[in-house]
Amino acid sequence: MKPQLDPPLCFIASEEYIKVLRGVLLSEKETPEAKLKWKSFQMLESHVEFRKSIPKVHFMSSLSKKFVLETCNLKQFSEELIDFVLGVIDVNAFRHTIHPNNPLRAKVESNEKAIDRFGRKLL
């Protein structure tokens, strides 16, 4: 079930917040597998300083922090960690959107508007 988010959080798809949430939660898991994944995650580039100057990134960062720290009430995570995770995802994840002319394109009808589905993966 998708969470119902109020403005301004609803301006971004909830899946975007979930990716960041999964990243910050990974940072505190204690299993050997999780520690190895987090160590690998930390080795990826985030371009945090460069990205601070981009208005769209600043907007997404502020909403991601609000979601993690306030909506999820996970105040143990720092704003810097959230920015780092968001940066790693944006910089390193592969994103694929199915071309509009592709007959296999998945559509969802939402408010009488077709929304293309896409996927993002961080290897």
Protein backbone atom coordinates (compact mmCIF):
# COMPACT_ATOMS: atom_id res chain seq x y z
CA MET A 1 0.00 0.00 0.00
CA LYS A 2 1.35 3.41 -0.98
CA PRO A 3 1.51 6.02 1.77
CA GLN A 4 -0.78 9.02 1.36
CA LEU A 5 1.42 12.08 1.56
CA ASP A 6 0.29 15.64 2.11
CA PRO A 7 1.73 18.65 0.27
CA PRO A 8 4.54 19.33 -0.32
CA LEU A 9 5.61 15.68 0.04
CA CYS A 10 2.99 14.51 -2.47
CA PHE A 11 4.74 16.50 -5.22
CA ILE A 12 7.27 13.67 -5.54
CA ALA A 13 6.39 10.00 -6.16
CA SER A 14 6.49 8.02 -2.91
CA GLU A 15 8.88 5.52 -4.53
CA GLU A 16 11.54 8.25 -4.60
CA TYR A 17 11.33 8.58 -0.81
CA ILE A 18 11.34 4.82 -0.29
CA LYS A 19 14.66 4.49 -2.14
CA VAL A 20 16.26 7.07 0.15
CA LEU A 21 14.67 5.48 3.21
CA ARG A 22 16.03 2.06 2.27
CA GLY A 23 19.50 3.58 1.85
CA VAL A 24 19.57 5.29 5.23
CA LEU A 25 18.16 2.20 6.96
CA LEU A 26 20.88 0.09 5.35
CA SER A 27 23.48 2.28 7.09
CA GLU A 28 22.48 0.98 10.53
CA LYS A 29 21.81 -2.71 9.82
CA GLU A 30 24.17 -5.04 11.63
CA THR A 31 24.07 -8.21 9.52
CA PRO A 32 27.30 -9.12 7.69
CA GLU A 33 25.51 -8.90 4.33
CA ALA A 34 24.09 -5.44 5.14
CA LYS A 35 27.47 -4.20 6.36
CA LEU A 36 29.09 -5.33 3.11
CA LYS A 37 26.34 -3.64 1.05
CA TRP A 38 26.71 -0.41 3.04
CA LYS A 39 30.49 -0.46 2.62
CA SER A 40 30.03 -0.85 -1.14
CA PHE A 41 27.39 1.89 -1.12
CA GLN A 42 29.78 4.27 0.66
CA MET A 43 32.38 3.78 -2.06
CA LEU A 44 30.04 5.25 -4.69
CA GLU A 45 30.23 8.91 -5.65
CA SER A 46 27.48 11.23 -4.42
CA HIS A 47 28.66 14.65 -5.71
CA VAL A 48 26.99 16.19 -2.64
CA GLU A 49 28.79 19.54 -2.83
CA PHE A 50 28.24 20.01 -6.56
CA ARG A 51 24.60 18.98 -6.33
CA LYS A 52 23.81 21.59 -3.64
CA SER A 53 23.81 24.30 -6.30
CA ILE A 54 21.07 22.66 -8.38
CA PRO A 55 17.56 23.92 -7.44
CA LYS A 56 15.80 20.63 -8.33
CA VAL A 57 18.26 18.70 -6.14
CA HIS A 58 17.81 21.18 -3.27
CA PHE A 59 14.02 20.70 -3.51
CA MET A 60 14.27 16.88 -3.55
CA SER A 61 16.78 16.99 -0.68
CA SER A 62 14.50 19.09 1.52
CA LEU A 63 11.52 16.81 0.83
CA SER A 64 13.58 13.64 1.43
CA LYS A 65 14.79 15.01 4.77
CA LYS A 66 11.24 15.93 5.76
CA PHE A 67 10.04 12.44 4.84
CA VAL A 68 12.77 10.55 6.71
CA LEU A 69 13.12 12.81 9.76
CA GLU A 70 9.52 13.93 10.26
CA THR A 71 7.09 11.62 8.46
CA CYS A 72 9.00 8.45 9.39
CA ASN A 73 10.20 9.99 12.68
CA LEU A 74 13.73 8.64 12.15
CA LYS A 75 15.60 11.48 13.80
CA GLN A 76 18.69 9.32 14.41
CA PHE A 77 19.76 9.97 10.81
CA SER A 78 21.63 13.13 9.90
CA GLU A 79 20.70 15.46 7.07
CA GLU A 80 24.19 14.82 5.66
CA LEU A 81 23.54 11.08 5.50
CA ILE A 82 20.22 11.64 3.72
CA ASP A 83 21.91 13.94 1.17
CA PHE A 84 24.67 11.38 0.67
CA VAL A 85 22.21 8.54 0.04
CA LEU A 86 20.12 10.69 -2.29
CA GLY A 87 23.27 11.68 -4.18
CA VAL A 88 24.51 8.10 -4.54
CA ILE A 89 21.16 7.04 -5.95
CA ASP A 90 20.90 9.96 -8.38
CA VAL A 91 24.50 9.75 -9.57
CA ASN A 92 24.95 5.98 -9.80
CA ALA A 93 21.56 4.37 -10.40
CA PHE A 94 20.55 3.22 -13.85
CA ARG A 95 17.14 4.51 -14.83
CA HIS A 96 15.04 3.06 -17.60
CA THR A 97 11.82 4.45 -19.01
CA ILE A 98 9.97 2.57 -21.70
CA HIS A 99 9.70 4.60 -24.93
CA PRO A 100 6.18 6.03 -25.53
CA ASN A 101 5.85 4.18 -28.85
CA ASN A 102 6.72 0.80 -27.34
CA PRO A 103 3.60 -1.43 -27.30
CA LEU A 104 4.90 -3.10 -24.12
CA ARG A 105 4.87 0.19 -22.22
CA ALA A 106 3.02 -0.10 -18.93
CA LYS A 107 0.51 2.64 -18.24
CA VAL A 108 -1.53 3.47 -15.22
CA GLU A 109 -4.58 5.64 -15.47
CA SER A 110 -4.44 8.31 -12.82
CA ASN A 111 -6.73 11.32 -12.87
CA GLU A 112 -7.41 10.67 -16.55
CA LYS A 113 -3.71 11.02 -17.31
CA ALA A 114 -1.41 8.22 -18.46
CA ILE A 115 1.69 7.81 -16.33
CA ASP A 116 4.68 5.91 -17.72
CA ARG A 117 6.29 3.40 -15.40
CA PHE A 118 10.03 3.37 -15.03
CA GLY A 119 12.58 1.51 -13.02
CA ARG A 120 15.80 2.44 -11.30
CA LYS A 121 18.49 0.05 -10.12
CA LEU A 122 21.66 0.53 -8.20
CA LEU A 123 24.04 -2.37 -8.78
